[in-house]
């Protein structure tokens, strides 16, 4: 099935609709958006979070390649705990985790159904 086939186009549209449903009807997403806007109104805090996430992401990529670094891990851990002392940041991170977990469940269900059909 090519990207331009009717079935694939319908699947893409369904995923777009699912995304819109999550954004419009999900209380977690609404709370996440509200807290994110509140944090974005504090540029210093917002930049600290962005910088932390970037460093954390880069470190996790290096970990995948087998480059473990205790000092970096300790520094990231300390920075994380300083950030979550702010109750809004703590809630933002918790909501992000919930959203990612929910999206992963949807993705895994789609993947499981598709792979089973392909492999059998």
N, C-alpha and C. Protein backbone atom coordinates (compact mmCIF):
# COMPACT_ATOMS: atom_id res chain seq x y z
N UNK A 1 0.85 -1.18 0.00
CA UNK A 1 0.00 0.00 0.00
C UNK A 1 0.90 1.24 0.00
N UNK A 2 0.76 2.06 -1.02
CA UNK A 2 1.59 3.26 -1.10
C UNK A 2 0.99 4.38 -0.26
N UNK A 3 1.80 5.41 -0.05
CA UNK A 3 1.34 6.55 0.75
C UNK A 3 0.14 7.23 0.12
N UNK A 4 0.04 7.12 -1.20
CA UNK A 4 -1.02 7.81 -1.92
C UNK A 4 -2.28 6.97 -2.07
N UNK A 5 -2.30 5.75 -1.56
CA UNK A 5 -3.48 4.91 -1.70
C UNK A 5 -4.61 5.43 -0.82
N UNK A 6 -5.82 5.05 -1.18
CA UNK A 6 -7.00 5.51 -0.45
C UNK A 6 -6.95 5.04 1.00
N UNK A 7 -6.57 3.78 1.24
CA UNK A 7 -6.50 3.25 2.59
C UNK A 7 -5.53 4.00 3.47
N UNK A 8 -4.37 4.32 2.93
CA UNK A 8 -3.37 5.06 3.70
C UNK A 8 -3.85 6.48 3.97
N UNK A 9 -4.47 7.11 2.98
CA UNK A 9 -4.98 8.47 3.17
C UNK A 9 -6.05 8.49 4.26
N UNK A 10 -6.92 7.48 4.27
CA UNK A 10 -7.95 7.39 5.30
C UNK A 10 -7.32 7.18 6.68
N UNK A 11 -6.29 6.35 6.74
CA UNK A 11 -5.62 6.09 8.02
C UNK A 11 -4.98 7.37 8.55
N UNK A 12 -4.36 8.14 7.67
CA UNK A 12 -3.75 9.40 8.08
C UNK A 12 -4.82 10.37 8.59
N UNK A 13 -5.93 10.44 7.91
CA UNK A 13 -7.03 11.31 8.35
C UNK A 13 -7.58 10.87 9.70
N UNK A 14 -7.69 9.56 9.92
CA UNK A 14 -8.17 9.05 11.20
C UNK A 14 -7.22 9.43 12.32
N UNK A 15 -5.91 9.37 12.05
CA UNK A 15 -4.93 9.75 13.08
C UNK A 15 -5.02 11.24 13.38
N UNK A 16 -5.25 12.05 12.35
CA UNK A 16 -5.42 13.49 12.59
C UNK A 16 -6.65 13.75 13.45
N UNK A 17 -7.73 13.02 13.17
CA UNK A 17 -8.96 13.17 13.96
C UNK A 17 -8.72 12.72 15.40
N UNK A 18 -7.99 11.62 15.57
CA UNK A 18 -7.67 11.14 16.92
C UNK A 18 -6.88 12.19 17.68
N UNK A 19 -5.93 12.81 17.01
CA UNK A 19 -5.12 13.86 17.63
C UNK A 19 -6.00 15.03 18.05
N UNK A 20 -6.91 15.44 17.19
CA UNK A 20 -7.82 16.54 17.52
C UNK A 20 -8.75 16.17 18.67
N UNK A 21 -9.19 14.92 18.73
CA UNK A 21 -10.04 14.47 19.83
C UNK A 21 -9.30 14.57 21.16
N UNK A 22 -8.06 14.13 21.16
CA UNK A 22 -7.25 14.20 22.38
C UNK A 22 -7.11 15.65 22.82
N UNK A 23 -6.83 16.52 21.87
CA UNK A 23 -6.62 17.93 22.20
C UNK A 23 -7.90 18.63 22.65
N UNK A 24 -9.03 18.25 22.08
CA UNK A 24 -10.26 18.98 22.38
C UNK A 24 -11.05 18.40 23.55
N UNK A 25 -10.98 17.10 23.77
CA UNK A 25 -11.84 16.47 24.77
C UNK A 25 -11.10 15.94 26.00
N UNK A 26 -9.81 15.96 25.98
CA UNK A 26 -9.06 15.34 27.06
C UNK A 26 -8.74 16.35 28.16
N UNK A 27 -9.17 16.08 29.38
CA UNK A 27 -8.94 16.99 30.51
C UNK A 27 -7.45 17.12 30.81
N UNK A 28 -6.72 16.03 30.64
CA UNK A 28 -5.27 16.07 30.90
C UNK A 28 -4.59 17.03 29.93
N UNK A 29 -4.96 16.94 28.65
CA UNK A 29 -4.36 17.83 27.65
C UNK A 29 -4.71 19.29 27.94
N UNK A 30 -5.95 19.53 28.34
CA UNK A 30 -6.37 20.90 28.66
C UNK A 30 -5.58 21.46 29.84
N UNK A 31 -5.41 20.65 30.87
CA UNK A 31 -4.63 21.10 32.04
C UNK A 31 -3.17 21.31 31.65
N UNK A 32 -2.63 20.39 30.84
CA UNK A 32 -1.25 20.51 30.38
C UNK A 32 -1.05 21.83 29.63
N UNK A 33 -1.96 22.13 28.71
CA UNK A 33 -1.87 23.36 27.92
C UNK A 33 -1.93 24.60 28.81
N UNK A 34 -2.82 24.59 29.79
CA UNK A 34 -2.95 25.74 30.70
C UNK A 34 -1.68 25.95 31.52
N UNK A 35 -1.14 24.87 32.06
CA UNK A 35 0.08 25.00 32.87
C UNK A 35 1.27 25.40 32.01
N UNK A 36 1.33 24.85 30.80
CA UNK A 36 2.43 25.21 29.89
C UNK A 36 2.39 26.71 29.58
N UNK A 37 1.20 27.24 29.31
CA UNK A 37 1.07 28.68 29.03
C UNK A 37 1.50 29.51 30.24
N UNK A 38 1.13 29.06 31.42
CA UNK A 38 1.51 29.77 32.64
C UNK A 38 3.03 29.78 32.79
N UNK A 39 3.66 28.65 32.52
CA UNK A 39 5.12 28.57 32.62
C UNK A 39 5.79 29.40 31.54
N UNK A 40 5.24 29.39 30.33
CA UNK A 40 5.80 30.18 29.23
C UNK A 40 5.77 31.68 29.55
N UNK A 41 4.85 32.09 30.42
CA UNK A 41 4.78 33.50 30.82
C UNK A 41 5.94 33.90 31.73
N UNK A 42 6.69 32.91 32.20
CA UNK A 42 7.89 33.16 33.01
C UNK A 42 9.09 32.72 32.16
N UNK A 43 9.64 33.64 31.34
CA UNK A 43 10.68 33.26 30.38
C UNK A 43 11.90 32.57 31.00
N UNK A 44 12.30 33.02 32.19
CA UNK A 44 13.48 32.40 32.83
C UNK A 44 13.21 30.93 33.15
N UNK A 45 12.08 30.66 33.74
CA UNK A 45 11.72 29.28 34.09
C UNK A 45 11.54 28.44 32.83
N UNK A 46 10.87 29.01 31.85
CA UNK A 46 10.64 28.29 30.59
C UNK A 46 11.97 27.91 29.94
N UNK A 47 12.91 28.84 29.92
CA UNK A 47 14.23 28.56 29.32
C UNK A 47 14.99 27.50 30.12
N UNK A 48 14.86 27.53 31.45
CA UNK A 48 15.52 26.50 32.28
C UNK A 48 14.97 25.12 31.95
N UNK A 49 13.66 25.03 31.78
CA UNK A 49 13.04 23.75 31.44
C UNK A 49 13.52 23.29 30.07
N UNK A 50 13.50 24.19 29.09
CA UNK A 50 13.95 23.84 27.74
C UNK A 50 15.40 23.36 27.75
N UNK A 51 16.25 24.08 28.46
CA UNK A 51 17.67 23.71 28.53
C UNK A 51 17.84 22.35 29.20
N UNK A 52 17.09 22.12 30.28
CA UNK A 52 17.16 20.83 30.96
C UNK A 52 16.72 19.70 30.02
N UNK A 53 15.60 19.89 29.35
CA UNK A 53 15.08 18.84 28.46
C UNK A 53 16.06 18.55 27.33
N UNK A 54 16.69 19.58 26.81
CA UNK A 54 17.66 19.39 25.73
C UNK A 54 18.85 18.57 26.24
N UNK A 55 19.39 18.94 27.39
CA UNK A 55 20.53 18.20 27.96
C UNK A 55 20.14 16.76 28.28
N UNK A 56 18.95 16.58 28.83
CA UNK A 56 18.47 15.24 29.18
C UNK A 56 18.31 14.39 27.92
N UNK A 57 17.73 14.97 26.89
CA UNK A 57 17.54 14.24 25.63
C UNK A 57 18.88 13.84 25.02
N UNK A 58 19.82 14.77 24.99
CA UNK A 58 21.14 14.48 24.43
C UNK A 58 21.85 13.39 25.23
N UNK A 59 21.70 13.44 26.56
CA UNK A 59 22.33 12.41 27.40
C UNK A 59 21.70 11.05 27.13
N UNK A 60 20.39 11.01 27.00
CA UNK A 60 19.71 9.73 26.74
C UNK A 60 20.13 9.15 25.39
N UNK A 61 20.38 9.99 24.41
CA UNK A 61 20.89 9.51 23.13
C UNK A 61 22.28 8.90 23.29
N UNK A 62 23.12 9.56 24.08
CA UNK A 62 24.47 9.02 24.32
C UNK A 62 24.39 7.70 25.09
N UNK A 63 23.43 7.60 26.01
CA UNK A 63 23.25 6.34 26.76
C UNK A 63 22.93 5.18 25.82
N UNK A 64 22.11 5.45 24.81
CA UNK A 64 21.77 4.41 23.84
C UNK A 64 23.01 3.89 23.13
N UNK A 65 23.98 4.77 22.95
CA UNK A 65 25.24 4.38 22.31
C UNK A 65 26.24 3.81 23.30
N UNK A 66 25.82 3.64 24.55
CA UNK A 66 26.67 3.04 25.57
C UNK A 66 27.59 4.01 26.28
N UNK A 67 27.34 5.30 26.17
CA UNK A 67 28.19 6.32 26.80
C UNK A 67 27.58 6.77 28.12
N UNK A 68 27.74 5.96 29.14
CA UNK A 68 27.21 6.30 30.46
C UNK A 68 28.18 7.26 31.16
N UNK A 69 27.64 8.27 31.82
CA UNK A 69 28.45 9.28 32.49
C UNK A 69 27.78 9.63 33.81
N UNK A 70 28.34 9.12 34.89
CA UNK A 70 27.74 9.31 36.21
C UNK A 70 27.62 10.79 36.57
N UNK A 71 28.64 11.58 36.25
CA UNK A 71 28.61 13.00 36.61
C UNK A 71 27.48 13.74 35.90
N UNK A 72 27.30 13.45 34.61
CA UNK A 72 26.22 14.08 33.86
C UNK A 72 24.87 13.64 34.40
N UNK A 73 24.75 12.36 34.70
CA UNK A 73 23.50 11.83 35.24
C UNK A 73 23.17 12.48 36.58
N UNK A 74 24.17 12.63 37.41
CA UNK A 74 23.99 13.27 38.72
C UNK A 74 23.57 14.73 38.55
N UNK A 75 24.24 15.43 37.65
CA UNK A 75 23.93 16.83 37.40
C UNK A 75 22.49 16.99 36.88
N UNK A 76 22.09 16.13 35.95
CA UNK A 76 20.73 16.19 35.42
C UNK A 76 19.70 15.89 36.51
N UNK A 77 20.01 14.92 37.34
CA UNK A 77 19.11 14.56 38.43
C UNK A 77 18.93 15.74 39.39
N UNK A 78 20.02 16.39 39.73
CA UNK A 78 19.95 17.55 40.63
C UNK A 78 19.16 18.69 40.00
N UNK A 79 19.40 18.91 38.72
CA UNK A 79 18.68 19.97 38.01
C UNK A 79 17.18 19.67 37.95
N UNK A 80 16.84 18.41 37.72
CA UNK A 80 15.44 17.98 37.67
C UNK A 80 14.76 18.26 39.01
N UNK A 81 15.40 17.86 40.10
CA UNK A 81 14.79 18.06 41.42
C UNK A 81 14.64 19.53 41.78
N UNK A 82 15.57 20.36 41.31
CA UNK A 82 15.42 21.80 41.53
C UNK A 82 14.22 22.34 40.76
N UNK A 83 14.04 21.85 39.54
CA UNK A 83 12.92 22.31 38.72
C UNK A 83 11.57 21.91 39.31
N UNK A 84 11.47 20.67 39.79
CA UNK A 84 10.16 20.20 40.26
C UNK A 84 9.79 20.73 41.65
N UNK A 85 10.67 21.51 42.25
CA UNK A 85 10.29 22.20 43.48
C UNK A 85 9.17 23.20 43.19
N UNK A 86 9.13 23.67 41.95
CA UNK A 86 8.03 24.53 41.51
C UNK A 86 6.84 23.63 41.22
N UNK A 87 5.73 23.85 41.88
CA UNK A 87 4.57 22.96 41.75
C UNK A 87 4.02 22.91 40.33
N UNK A 88 4.10 24.03 39.60
CA UNK A 88 3.63 24.02 38.21
C UNK A 88 4.52 23.15 37.32
N UNK A 89 5.81 23.24 37.52
CA UNK A 89 6.74 22.41 36.74
C UNK A 89 6.53 20.94 37.09
N UNK A 90 6.37 20.66 38.36
CA UNK A 90 6.12 19.29 38.80
C UNK A 90 4.87 18.74 38.11
N UNK A 91 3.80 19.53 38.10
CA UNK A 91 2.55 19.08 37.47
C UNK A 91 2.72 18.96 35.96
N UNK A 92 3.43 19.90 35.34
CA UNK A 92 3.68 19.84 33.90
C UNK A 92 4.37 18.54 33.52
N UNK A 93 5.43 18.19 34.26
CA UNK A 93 6.16 16.96 33.97
C UNK A 93 5.26 15.73 34.16
N UNK A 94 4.44 15.74 35.20
CA UNK A 94 3.52 14.62 35.45
C UNK A 94 2.51 14.49 34.32
N UNK A 95 1.97 15.62 33.87
CA UNK A 95 0.99 15.60 32.78
C UNK A 95 1.63 15.16 31.47
N UNK A 96 2.86 15.62 31.21
CA UNK A 96 3.57 15.17 30.01
C UNK A 96 3.72 13.66 30.02
N UNK A 97 4.07 13.13 31.17
CA UNK A 97 4.24 11.68 31.29
C UNK A 97 2.91 10.97 31.00
N UNK A 98 1.82 11.47 31.56
CA UNK A 98 0.51 10.86 31.32
C UNK A 98 0.13 10.91 29.84
N UNK A 99 0.37 12.06 29.20
CA UNK A 99 0.04 12.20 27.78
C UNK A 99 0.88 11.27 26.91
N UNK A 100 2.17 11.22 27.17
CA UNK A 100 3.04 10.35 26.38
C UNK A 100 2.65 8.89 26.57
N UNK A 101 2.32 8.51 27.79
CA UNK A 101 1.89 7.14 28.06
C UNK A 101 0.61 6.81 27.30
N UNK A 102 -0.35 7.73 27.29
CA UNK A 102 -1.60 7.51 26.57
C UNK A 102 -1.37 7.40 25.07
N UNK A 103 -0.56 8.28 24.54
CA UNK A 103 -0.27 8.26 23.10
C UNK A 103 0.48 6.97 22.74
N UNK A 104 1.38 6.54 23.60
CA UNK A 104 2.11 5.29 23.35
C UNK A 104 1.17 4.10 23.32
N UNK A 105 0.15 4.10 24.17
CA UNK A 105 -0.83 3.00 24.16
C UNK A 105 -1.55 2.94 22.82
N UNK A 106 -1.97 4.10 22.32
CA UNK A 106 -2.66 4.15 21.02
C UNK A 106 -1.71 3.67 19.92
N UNK A 107 -0.49 4.16 19.94
CA UNK A 107 0.51 3.77 18.95
C UNK A 107 0.76 2.27 19.00
N UNK A 108 0.92 1.73 20.19
CA UNK A 108 1.20 0.30 20.33
C UNK A 108 0.03 -0.56 19.85
N UNK A 109 -1.20 -0.11 20.09
CA UNK A 109 -2.35 -0.85 19.58
C UNK A 109 -2.36 -0.87 18.06
N UNK A 110 -2.08 0.27 17.46
CA UNK A 110 -2.01 0.35 16.00
C UNK A 110 -0.88 -0.52 15.47
N UNK A 111 0.27 -0.43 16.10
CA UNK A 111 1.42 -1.21 15.68
C UNK A 111 1.17 -2.71 15.82
N UNK A 112 0.62 -3.12 16.95
CA UNK A 112 0.33 -4.54 17.17
C UNK A 112 -0.60 -5.09 16.10
N UNK A 113 -1.66 -4.37 15.80
CA UNK A 113 -2.63 -4.83 14.81
C UNK A 113 -2.01 -4.89 13.42
N UNK A 114 -1.20 -3.92 13.08
CA UNK A 114 -0.59 -3.86 11.76
C UNK A 114 0.49 -4.92 11.60
N UNK A 115 1.36 -5.06 12.58
CA UNK A 115 2.46 -6.01 12.48
C UNK A 115 1.94 -7.44 12.43
N UNK A 116 0.93 -7.75 13.23
CA UNK A 116 0.37 -9.11 13.20
C UNK A 116 -0.13 -9.46 11.81
N UNK A 117 -0.80 -8.52 11.16
CA UNK A 117 -1.30 -8.78 9.82
C UNK A 117 -0.16 -8.94 8.82
N UNK A 118 0.91 -8.21 9.01
CA UNK A 118 2.04 -8.27 8.08
C UNK A 118 2.82 -9.57 8.27
N UNK A 119 3.03 -9.97 9.50
CA UNK A 119 3.88 -11.13 9.77
C UNK A 119 3.18 -12.46 9.55
N UNK A 120 1.88 -12.52 9.59
CA UNK A 120 1.17 -13.80 9.46
C UNK A 120 0.76 -14.08 8.05
